[in-house]
Amino acid sequence: MEQKDLFKELGEIRLLMEKSSKFVSISGLSGVLIGCYALLGTLLGYYAIASPEAVINRFASGLTIPTLFLIVALLILALSLVTGWLMARKKAKKISSRFGTLPANLFYLQFQSL
């Protein structure tokens, strides 16, 4: 390879790395919202342990405490994933990046089989 070709390859590698590193983290707002969801779930769990009759009578009549914990955990997980996805999509539009590139789609498909 000539030196010109090597510099061209290095430039392409650098451009690819810059594109991938721009979109590594979630936004600060989505982290705060996900943390708030976790705090609300923790608060509900605390009250479910402290006074289970009051929580079950108020929110979920006919459910046991472990079932209530499972529902709350799944709800928090779903809210967190949707919030992260929406904020990531918003961030991708803001920086004019494509949301859903091949590595992201492969990562997403990996969890679809679970």
Foldseek 3Di string as FASTA:
>chain_A
DDPVVVVVVVVVVVVVVVLVVVLDDFDPVLVVVLVVLVVVLVVLLVCCVVPVVVSCVVPNPPDDSVVVNVVSVVVSVVVSVVSRLVRSVVVCVVVVHDPPDPVVVVVVVVVVVD
